[in-house]
Amino acid sequence: MPNKLTNLTYLYLYDSSLKKISKSYFNLKTLIIKYNKNKKFQIKNIPSYNNLLTLFLENYNKLKKLPDLLLKINKIYIISCIHIEDLPVNYSTVKEYYFYYTINNKFIKSIYVKINI
């Protein structure tokens, strides 16, 4: 991925081999990662984007915890990430949260919360 996309606001990665996300993407508002093939990619490799508002992660089974550094995040979608723990306490800006996962195509849990402020 190019490192010089400083005006990038929306990034959608599907079926990729992502290792890390460039720190130069400081205007990013929406980040969507689905089916990342790189088993070494860690969610902590997402830099602290001051502008990140929406985070969508799908089929990322290594995910256990979201980083504490997403200060403006207001929408979080976590799909088929079976080891996820609760949201960090300081995610007071979250207005919409969707959590869904299955194991071997068997439905396990779904949570959808929309907060009107």
Protein backbone atom coordinates (compact mmCIF):
# COMPACT_ATOMS: atom_id res chain seq x y z
CA MET A 1 0.00 0.00 0.00
CA PRO A 2 1.30 3.48 -0.78
CA ASN A 3 2.47 5.56 2.15
CA LYS A 4 1.70 9.00 0.76
CA LEU A 5 -2.11 9.00 0.72
CA THR A 6 -2.51 11.69 3.33
CA ASN A 7 -5.96 12.76 2.09
CA LEU A 8 -7.40 9.27 2.20
CA THR A 9 -10.61 9.20 4.29
CA TYR A 10 -12.07 5.78 3.42
CA LEU A 11 -10.14 2.51 3.26
CA TYR A 12 -11.77 -0.81 2.39
CA LEU A 13 -9.55 -3.89 2.37
CA TYR A 14 -11.02 -7.23 1.37
CA ASP A 15 -9.20 -10.55 1.16
CA SER A 16 -5.83 -8.88 1.51
CA SER A 17 -2.52 -9.79 3.13
CA LEU A 18 -2.29 -6.65 5.19
CA LYS A 19 0.71 -6.37 7.50
CA LYS A 20 0.21 -2.84 8.74
CA ILE A 21 -1.51 0.41 7.91
CA SER A 22 0.61 3.44 7.18
CA LYS A 23 0.81 6.12 9.85
CA SER A 24 0.50 8.71 7.09
CA TYR A 25 -3.23 7.92 6.73
CA PHE A 26 -4.06 10.49 9.38
CA ASN A 27 -7.27 11.71 7.67
CA LEU A 28 -8.84 8.27 7.64
CA LYS A 29 -12.48 8.35 8.82
CA THR A 30 -13.62 4.85 7.86
CA LEU A 31 -11.58 1.67 8.00
CA ILE A 32 -13.01 -1.65 6.81
CA ILE A 33 -10.95 -4.84 6.95
CA LYS A 34 -12.54 -8.11 5.83
CA TYR A 35 -10.83 -11.49 5.57
CA ASN A 36 -7.25 -10.45 6.08
CA LYS A 37 -4.97 -13.39 5.21
CA ASN A 38 -1.96 -12.21 7.16
CA LYS A 39 -2.03 -14.08 10.45
CA LYS A 40 0.57 -11.72 11.94
CA PHE A 41 -1.49 -8.56 11.48
CA GLN A 42 -2.49 -7.16 14.85
CA ILE A 43 -5.19 -4.61 15.52
CA LYS A 44 -2.63 -2.64 17.50
CA ASN A 45 -0.94 -1.98 14.14
CA ILE A 46 -3.72 0.50 13.42
CA PRO A 47 -2.23 3.85 14.35
CA SER A 48 -4.11 6.24 16.58
CA TYR A 49 -6.16 7.98 13.92
CA ASN A 50 -7.53 11.15 15.39
CA ASN A 51 -10.26 11.27 12.77
CA LEU A 52 -11.31 7.61 12.61
CA LEU A 53 -15.09 7.45 13.07
CA THR A 54 -16.04 3.99 11.76
CA LEU A 55 -14.23 0.69 12.25
CA PHE A 56 -15.48 -2.48 10.58
CA LEU A 57 -13.65 -5.78 11.15
CA GLU A 58 -14.81 -9.09 9.75
CA ASN A 59 -13.44 -12.58 10.13
CA TYR A 60 -10.45 -11.56 12.19
CA ASN A 61 -10.18 -14.40 14.69
CA LYS A 62 -6.99 -13.17 16.34
CA LEU A 63 -8.77 -10.06 17.57
CA LYS A 64 -9.15 -10.05 21.35
CA LYS A 65 -9.24 -6.39 22.23
CA LEU A 66 -9.68 -3.10 20.44
CA PRO A 67 -7.01 -0.46 20.97
CA ASP A 68 -7.64 2.27 23.54
CA LEU A 69 -6.44 4.99 21.19
CA LEU A 70 -9.46 5.51 18.94
CA LEU A 71 -10.72 8.63 20.63
CA LYS A 72 -13.43 9.76 18.18
CA ILE A 73 -14.74 6.37 17.08
CA ASN A 74 -18.54 6.32 16.89
CA LYS A 75 -19.38 3.19 14.88
CA ILE A 76 -17.86 -0.23 15.47
CA TYR A 77 -18.84 -3.37 13.59
CA ILE A 78 -17.23 -6.64 14.60
CA ILE A 79 -18.29 -9.66 12.56
CA SER A 80 -17.05 -13.21 13.15
CA CYS A 81 -14.26 -12.23 15.52
CA ILE A 82 -14.86 -14.96 18.07
CA HIS A 83 -12.30 -13.96 20.71
CA ILE A 84 -13.25 -10.32 21.12
CA GLU A 85 -13.63 -8.88 24.60
CA ASP A 86 -15.73 -5.86 25.56
CA LEU A 87 -15.10 -2.38 24.27
CA PRO A 88 -12.55 -0.28 26.14
CA VAL A 89 -14.12 1.89 28.81
CA ASN A 90 -12.97 5.14 27.22
CA TYR A 91 -15.03 4.57 24.06
CA SER A 92 -17.60 7.09 25.22
CA THR A 93 -18.07 8.43 21.67
CA VAL A 94 -19.54 5.18 20.32
CA LYS A 95 -23.08 5.70 18.98
CA GLU A 96 -23.48 2.45 17.09
CA TYR A 97 -22.03 -0.94 17.95
CA TYR A 98 -22.68 -4.22 16.14
CA PHE A 99 -21.17 -7.51 17.20
CA TYR A 100 -21.95 -10.81 15.50
CA TYR A 101 -20.20 -14.14 15.27
CA THR A 102 -20.66 -17.75 14.31
CA ILE A 103 -18.60 -20.88 14.73
CA ASN A 104 -18.69 -23.40 11.88
CA ASN A 105 -21.61 -21.47 10.39
CA LYS A 106 -23.60 -21.88 13.59
CA PHE A 107 -24.96 -18.64 15.02
CA ILE A 108 -23.51 -17.86 18.45
CA LYS A 109 -24.10 -14.24 19.38
CA SER A 110 -25.37 -10.95 18.01
CA ILE A 111 -25.49 -7.57 19.69
CA TYR A 112 -26.62 -4.34 18.07
CA VAL A 113 -26.69 -1.13 20.06
CA LYS A 114 -27.58 2.28 18.69
CA ILE A 115 -27.36 5.17 21.10
CA ASN A 116 -29.24 8.37 20.33
CA ILE A 117 -27.56 11.34 21.90
